[in-house]
PDB file of N, CA and C in Angstrom:
ATOM      1  N   MET A   1     228.504  31.795  57.892  1.00  0.00           N
ATOM      2  CA  MET A   1     227.594  31.120  56.977  1.00  0.00           C
ATOM      3  C   MET A   1     226.816  30.055  57.730  1.00  0.00           C
ATOM      4  N   PRO A   2     225.497  30.102  57.646  1.00  0.00           N
ATOM      5  CA  PRO A   2     224.697  29.105  58.354  1.00  0.00           C
ATOM      6  C   PRO A   2     224.962  27.693  57.825  1.00  0.00           C
ATOM      7  N   LYS A   3     224.847  26.753  58.720  1.00  0.00           N
ATOM      8  CA  LYS A   3     225.015  25.359  58.328  1.00  0.00           C
ATOM      9  C   LYS A   3     223.767  24.915  57.576  1.00  0.00           C
ATOM     10  N   LYS A   4     223.949  24.126  56.525  1.00  0.00           N
ATOM     11  CA  LYS A   4     222.838  23.691  55.671  1.00  0.00           C
ATOM     12  C   LYS A   4     221.786  22.933  56.475  1.00  0.00           C
ATOM     13  N   PHE A   5     222.206  22.121  57.441  1.00  0.00           N
ATOM     14  CA  PHE A   5     221.218  21.351  58.195  1.00  0.00           C
ATOM     15  C   PHE A   5     220.336  22.262  59.045  1.00  0.00           C
ATOM     16  N   ASN A   6     220.870  23.390  59.496  1.00  0.00           N
ATOM     17  CA  ASN A   6     220.043  24.351  60.225  1.00  0.00           C
ATOM     18  C   ASN A   6     219.088  25.071  59.277  1.00  0.00           C
ATOM     19  N   GLU A   7     219.580  25.411  58.089  1.00  0.00           N
ATOM     20  CA  GLU A   7     218.707  26.026  57.094  1.00  0.00           C
ATOM     21  C   GLU A   7     217.549  25.100  56.751  1.00  0.00           C
ATOM     22  N   ASN A   8     217.834  23.818  56.646  1.00  0.00           N
ATOM     23  CA  ASN A   8     216.788  22.842  56.340  1.00  0.00           C
ATOM     24  C   ASN A   8     215.754  22.768  57.455  1.00  0.00           C
ATOM     25  N   LEU A   9     216.206  22.838  58.703  1.00  0.00           N
ATOM     26  CA  LEU A   9     215.261  22.852  59.822  1.00  0.00           C
ATOM     27  C   LEU A   9     214.347  24.075  59.747  1.00  0.00           C
ATOM     28  N   VAL A  10     214.925  25.217  59.439  1.00  0.00           N
ATOM     29  CA  VAL A  10     214.136  26.446  59.338  1.00  0.00           C
ATOM     30  C   VAL A  10     213.130  26.340  58.187  1.00  0.00           C
ATOM     31  N   LYS A  11     213.573  25.848  57.043  1.00  0.00           N
ATOM     32  CA  LYS A  11     212.677  25.681  55.895  1.00  0.00           C
ATOM     33  C   LYS A  11     211.546  24.706  56.224  1.00  0.00           C
ATOM     34  N   ALA A  12     211.882  23.617  56.882  1.00  0.00           N
ATOM     35  CA  ALA A  12     210.867  22.631  57.249  1.00  0.00           C
ATOM     36  C   ALA A  12     209.862  23.230  58.237  1.00  0.00           C
ATOM     37  N   MET A  13     210.347  24.034  59.177  1.00  0.00           N
ATOM     38  CA  MET A  13     209.450  24.673  60.137  1.00  0.00           C
ATOM     39  C   MET A  13     208.518  25.644  59.419  1.00  0.00           C
ATOM     40  N   GLU A  14     209.062  26.435  58.515  1.00  0.00           N
ATOM     41  CA  GLU A  14     208.240  27.387  57.769  1.00  0.00           C
ATOM     42  C   GLU A  14     207.175  26.671  56.950  1.00  0.00           C
ATOM     43  N   ALA A  15     207.555  25.580  56.290  1.00  0.00           N
ATOM     44  CA  ALA A  15     206.595  24.814  55.498  1.00  0.00           C
ATOM     45  C   ALA A  15     205.515  24.199  56.387  1.00  0.00           C
ATOM     46  N   THR A  16     205.915  23.715  57.543  1.00  0.00           N
ATOM     47  CA  THR A  16     204.970  23.127  58.478  1.00  0.00           C
ATOM     48  C   THR A  16     203.995  24.180  58.990  1.00  0.00           C
ATOM     49  N   GLN A  17     204.514  25.358  59.311  1.00  0.00           N
ATOM     50  CA  GLN A  17     203.646  26.449  59.768  1.00  0.00           C
ATOM     51  C   GLN A  17     202.689  26.882  58.665  1.00  0.00           C
ATOM     52  N   ASP A  18     203.156  26.879  57.421  1.00  0.00           N
ATOM     53  CA  ASP A  18     202.269  27.184  56.295  1.00  0.00           C
ATOM     54  C   ASP A  18     201.167  26.132  56.176  1.00  0.00           C
ATOM     55  N   ALA A  19     201.546  24.865  56.328  1.00  0.00           N
ATOM     56  CA  ALA A  19     200.563  23.782  56.236  1.00  0.00           C
ATOM     57  C   ALA A  19     199.515  23.893  57.341  1.00  0.00           C
ATOM     58  N   VAL A  20     199.937  24.269  58.546  1.00  0.00           N
ATOM     59  CA  VAL A  20     198.991  24.460  59.653  1.00  0.00           C
ATOM     60  C   VAL A  20     197.990  25.550  59.289  1.00  0.00           C
ATOM     61  N   LYS A  21     198.487  26.647  58.766  1.00  0.00           N
ATOM     62  CA  LYS A  21     197.609  27.757  58.380  1.00  0.00           C
ATOM     63  C   LYS A  21     196.616  27.328  57.300  1.00  0.00           C
ATOM     64  N   ILE A  22     197.106  26.640  56.291  1.00  0.00           N
ATOM     65  CA  ILE A  22     196.250  26.177  55.203  1.00  0.00           C
ATOM     66  C   ILE A  22     195.179  25.223  55.724  1.00  0.00           C
ATOM     67  N   CYS A  23     195.559  24.293  56.569  1.00  0.00           N
ATOM     68  CA  CYS A  23     194.595  23.327  57.103  1.00  0.00           C
ATOM     69  C   CYS A  23     193.526  24.021  57.940  1.00  0.00           C
ATOM     70  N   LYS A  24     193.907  25.002  58.731  1.00  0.00           N
ATOM     71  CA  LYS A  24     192.922  25.736  59.532  1.00  0.00           C
ATOM     72  C   LYS A  24     191.933  26.468  58.631  1.00  0.00           C
ATOM     73  N   GLU A  25     192.440  27.093  57.584  1.00  0.00           N
ATOM     74  CA  GLU A  25     191.567  27.779  56.635  1.00  0.00           C
ATOM     75  C   GLU A  25     190.681  26.777  55.894  1.00  0.00           C
ATOM     76  N   ALA A  26     191.264  25.662  55.496  1.00  0.00           N
ATOM     77  CA  ALA A  26     190.521  24.647  54.741  1.00  0.00           C
ATOM     78  C   ALA A  26     189.412  24.026  55.579  1.00  0.00           C
ATOM     79  N   MET A  27     189.634  23.895  56.874  1.00  0.00           N
ATOM     80  CA  MET A  27     188.588  23.332  57.739  1.00  0.00           C
ATOM     81  C   MET A  27     187.357  24.238  57.749  1.00  0.00           C
ATOM     82  N   VAL A  28     187.564  25.540  57.687  1.00  0.00           N
ATOM     83  CA  VAL A  28     186.446  26.484  57.647  1.00  0.00           C
ATOM     84  C   VAL A  28     185.708  26.367  56.318  1.00  0.00           C
ATOM     85  N   ASP A  29     186.468  26.204  55.235  1.00  0.00           N
ATOM     86  CA  ASP A  29     185.887  26.163  53.900  1.00  0.00           C
ATOM     87  C   ASP A  29     185.395  24.785  53.478  1.00  0.00           C
ATOM     88  N   ALA A  30     185.720  23.759  54.245  1.00  0.00           N
ATOM     89  CA  ALA A  30     185.360  22.385  53.870  1.00  0.00           C
ATOM     90  C   ALA A  30     183.848  22.258  53.721  1.00  0.00           C
ATOM     91  N   ASN A  31     183.448  21.420  52.771  1.00  0.00           N
ATOM     92  CA  ASN A  31     182.016  21.293  52.500  1.00  0.00           C
ATOM     93  C   ASN A  31     181.367  20.072  53.149  1.00  0.00           C
ATOM     94  N   ASP A  32     182.143  19.281  53.864  1.00  0.00           N
ATOM     95  CA  ASP A  32     181.532  18.155  54.577  1.00  0.00           C
ATOM     96  C   ASP A  32     182.427  17.689  55.728  1.00  0.00           C
ATOM     97  N   ASP A  33     181.860  16.833  56.560  1.00  0.00           N
ATOM     98  CA  ASP A  33     182.580  16.380  57.758  1.00  0.00           C
ATOM     99  C   ASP A  33     183.820  15.553  57.426  1.00  0.00           C
ATOM    100  N   SER A  34     183.774  14.792  56.337  1.00  0.00           N
ATOM    101  CA  SER A  34     184.943  13.968  56.016  1.00  0.00           C
ATOM    102  C   SER A  34     186.137  14.845  55.630  1.00  0.00           C
ATOM    103  N   CYS A  35     185.876  15.939  54.919  1.00  0.00           N
ATOM    104  CA  CYS A  35     186.965  16.868  54.587  1.00  0.00           C
ATOM    105  C   CYS A  35     187.510  17.524  55.852  1.00  0.00           C
ATOM    106  N   ARG A  36     186.626  17.952  56.735  1.00  0.00           N
ATOM    107  CA  ARG A  36     187.075  18.573  57.977  1.00  0.00           C
ATOM    108  C   ARG A  36     187.886  17.576  58.812  1.00  0.00           C
ATOM    109  N   ALA A  37     187.458  16.327  58.843  1.00  0.00           N
ATOM    110  CA  ALA A  37     188.183  15.301  59.597  1.00  0.00           C
ATOM    111  C   ALA A  37     189.574  15.082  59.000  1.00  0.00           C
ATOM    112  N   MET A  38     189.664  15.089  57.680  1.00  0.00           N
ATOM    113  CA  MET A  38     190.961  14.913  57.023  1.00  0.00           C
ATOM    114  C   MET A  38     191.887  16.073  57.369  1.00  0.00           C
ATOM    115  N   TYR A  39     191.381  17.309  57.253  1.00  0.00           N
ATOM    116  CA  TYR A  39     192.212  18.465  57.579  1.00  0.00           C
ATOM    117  C   TYR A  39     192.599  18.482  59.051  1.00  0.00           C
ATOM    118  N   GLN A  40     191.717  18.036  59.915  1.00  0.00           N
ATOM    119  CA  GLN A  40     192.017  17.969  61.345  1.00  0.00           C
ATOM    120  C   GLN A  40     193.148  16.977  61.605  1.00  0.00           C
ATOM    121  N   ALA A  41     193.116  15.845  60.923  1.00  0.00           N
ATOM    122  CA  ALA A  41     194.171  14.839  61.077  1.00  0.00           C
ATOM    123  C   ALA A  41     195.507  15.379  60.569  1.00  0.00           C
ATOM    124  N   ILE A  42     195.478  16.049  59.427  1.00  0.00           N
ATOM    125  CA  ILE A  42     196.707  16.639  58.881  1.00  0.00           C
ATOM    126  C   ILE A  42     197.232  17.707  59.831  1.00  0.00           C
ATOM    127  N   LEU A  43     196.338  18.526  60.358  1.00  0.00           N
ATOM    128  CA  LEU A  43     196.714  19.575  61.306  1.00  0.00           C
ATOM    129  C   LEU A  43     197.393  18.976  62.531  1.00  0.00           C
ATOM    130  N   LYS A  44     196.841  17.906  63.049  1.00  0.00           N
ATOM    131  CA  LYS A  44     197.427  17.240  64.220  1.00  0.00           C
ATOM    132  C   LYS A  44     198.843  16.753  63.905  1.00  0.00           C
ATOM    133  N   ASP A  45     199.019  16.157  62.728  1.00  0.00           N
ATOM    134  CA  ASP A  45     200.355  15.696  62.321  1.00  0.00           C
ATOM    135  C   ASP A  45     201.320  16.868  62.174  1.00  0.00           C
ATOM    136  N   CYS A  46     200.859  17.949  61.560  1.00  0.00           N
ATOM    137  CA  CYS A  46     201.722  19.117  61.370  1.00  0.00           C
ATOM    138  C   CYS A  46     202.149  19.711  62.707  1.00  0.00           C
ATOM    139  N   GLU A  47     201.231  19.772  63.649  1.00  0.00           N
ATOM    140  CA  GLU A  47     201.582  20.296  64.966  1.00  0.00           C
ATOM    141  C   GLU A  47     202.622  19.407  65.646  1.00  0.00           C
ATOM    142  N   LYS A  48     202.494  18.094  65.468  1.00  0.00           N
ATOM    143  CA  LYS A  48     203.492  17.166  66.014  1.00  0.00           C
ATOM    144  C   LYS A  48     204.848  17.397  65.347  1.00  0.00           C
ATOM    145  N   HIS A  49     204.845  17.579  64.038  1.00  0.00           N
ATOM    146  CA  HIS A  49     206.092  17.811  63.311  1.00  0.00           C
ATOM    147  C   HIS A  49     206.737  19.123  63.742  1.00  0.00           C
ATOM    148  N   ALA A  50     205.920  20.149  63.960  1.00  0.00           N
ATOM    149  CA  ALA A  50     206.456  21.435  64.427  1.00  0.00           C
ATOM    150  C   ALA A  50     207.140  21.270  65.775  1.00  0.00           C
ATOM    151  N   GLN A  51     206.553  20.484  66.662  1.00  0.00           N
ATOM    152  CA  GLN A  51     207.161  20.227  67.967  1.00  0.00           C
ATOM    153  C   GLN A  51     208.494  19.491  67.804  1.00  0.00           C
ATOM    154  N   MET A  52     208.518  18.514  66.908  1.00  0.00           N
ATOM    155  CA  MET A  52     209.748  17.765  66.663  1.00  0.00           C
ATOM    156  C   MET A  52     210.842  18.682  66.119  1.00  0.00           C
ATOM    157  N   LEU A  53     210.475  19.532  65.172  1.00  0.00           N
ATOM    158  CA  LEU A  53     211.442  20.469  64.602  1.00  0.00           C
ATOM    159  C   LEU A  53     211.952  21.441  65.652  1.00  0.00           C
ATOM    160  N   GLN A  54     211.054  21.955  66.469  1.00  0.00           N
ATOM    161  CA  GLN A  54     211.459  22.888  67.519  1.00  0.00           C
ATOM    162  C   GLN A  54     212.413  22.222  68.501  1.00  0.00           C
ATOM    163  N   SER A  55     212.128  20.981  68.861  1.00  0.00           N
ATOM    164  CA  SER A  55     213.018  20.246  69.768  1.00  0.00           C
ATOM    165  C   SER A  55     214.405  20.071  69.161  1.00  0.00           C
ATOM    166  N   GLU A  56     214.447  19.775  67.875  1.00  0.00           N
ATOM    167  CA  GLU A  56     215.741  19.599  67.203  1.00  0.00           C
ATOM    168  C   GLU A  56     216.500  20.918  67.142  1.00  0.00           C
ATOM    169  N   MET A  57     215.793  22.011  66.892  1.00  0.00           N
ATOM    170  CA  MET A  57     216.441  23.329  66.880  1.00  0.00           C
ATOM    171  C   MET A  57     217.025  23.663  68.250  1.00  0.00           C
ATOM    172  N   GLU A  58     216.266  23.385  69.298  1.00  0.00           N
ATOM    173  CA  GLU A  58     216.750  23.639  70.654  1.00  0.00           C
ATOM    174  C   GLU A  58     217.963  22.777  70.971  1.00  0.00           C
ATOM    175  N   LEU A  59     217.949  21.531  70.528  1.00  0.00           N
ATOM    176  CA  LEU A  59     219.092  20.643  70.736  1.00  0.00           C
ATOM    177  C   LEU A  59     220.334  21.195  70.036  1.00  0.00           C
ATOM    178  N   HIS A  60     220.168  21.685  68.822  1.00  0.00           N
ATOM    179  CA  HIS A  60     221.301  22.267  68.100  1.00  0.00           C
ATOM    180  C   HIS A  60     221.861  23.477  68.843  1.00  0.00           C
ATOM    181  N   LYS A  61     220.978  24.259  69.452  1.00  0.00           N
ATOM    182  CA  LYS A  61     221.446  25.421  70.217  1.00  0.00           C
ATOM    183  C   LYS A  61     222.257  24.981  71.430  1.00  0.00           C
ATOM    184  N   VAL A  62     221.778  23.970  72.135  1.00  0.00           N
ATOM    185  CA  VAL A  62     222.493  23.458  73.314  1.00  0.00           C
ATOM    186  C   VAL A  62     223.839  22.866  72.883  1.00  0.00           C
ATOM    187  N   GLN A  63     223.877  22.211  71.749  1.00  0.00           N
ATOM    188  CA  GLN A  63     225.104  21.600  71.250  1.00  0.00           C
ATOM    189  C   GLN A  63     226.024  22.601  70.544  1.00  0.00           C
ATOM    190  N   LYS A  64     225.614  23.874  70.543  1.00  0.00           N
ATOM    191  CA  LYS A  64     226.403  24.943  69.895  1.00  0.00           C
ATOM    192  C   LYS A  64     226.568  24.731  68.398  1.00  0.00           C
ATOM    193  N   LYS A  65     225.560  24.099  67.783  1.00  0.00           N
ATOM    194  CA  LYS A  65     225.575  23.894  66.331  1.00  0.00           C
ATOM    195  C   LYS A  65     224.618  24.860  65.620  1.00  0.00           C
ATOM    196  N   TRP A  66     223.948  25.717  66.372  1.00  0.00           N
ATOM    197  CA  TRP A  66     222.949  26.611  65.793  1.00  0.00           C
ATOM    198  C   TRP A  66     223.577  27.957  65.479  1.00  0.00           C
ATOM    199  N   ASP A  67     223.493  28.346  64.214  1.00  0.00           N
ATOM    200  CA  ASP A  67     224.020  29.654  63.837  1.00  0.00           C
ATOM    201  C   ASP A  67     223.112  30.342  62.826  1.00  0.00           C
ATOM    202  N   THR A  68     221.863  29.956  62.800  1.00  0.00           N
ATOM    203  CA  THR A  68     220.901  30.537  61.863  1.00  0.00           C
ATOM    204  C   THR A  68     220.058  31.573  62.571  1.00  0.00           C
TER     205      THR A  68
END
């Protein structure tokens, strides 16, 4: 049975990847520069969060706590 904290990391990564996709699509559909700038800022944050999540997942694997 997977550990709940690993499941949460996976869920957070999936949500972050969804947010990245949405922001990329929204930047194309945005009707002005301020909207594009907002989506770009959110995208940058999401990419940072994805890196943080990936690092934590790798740490769990090294610590033998990863079973998801």
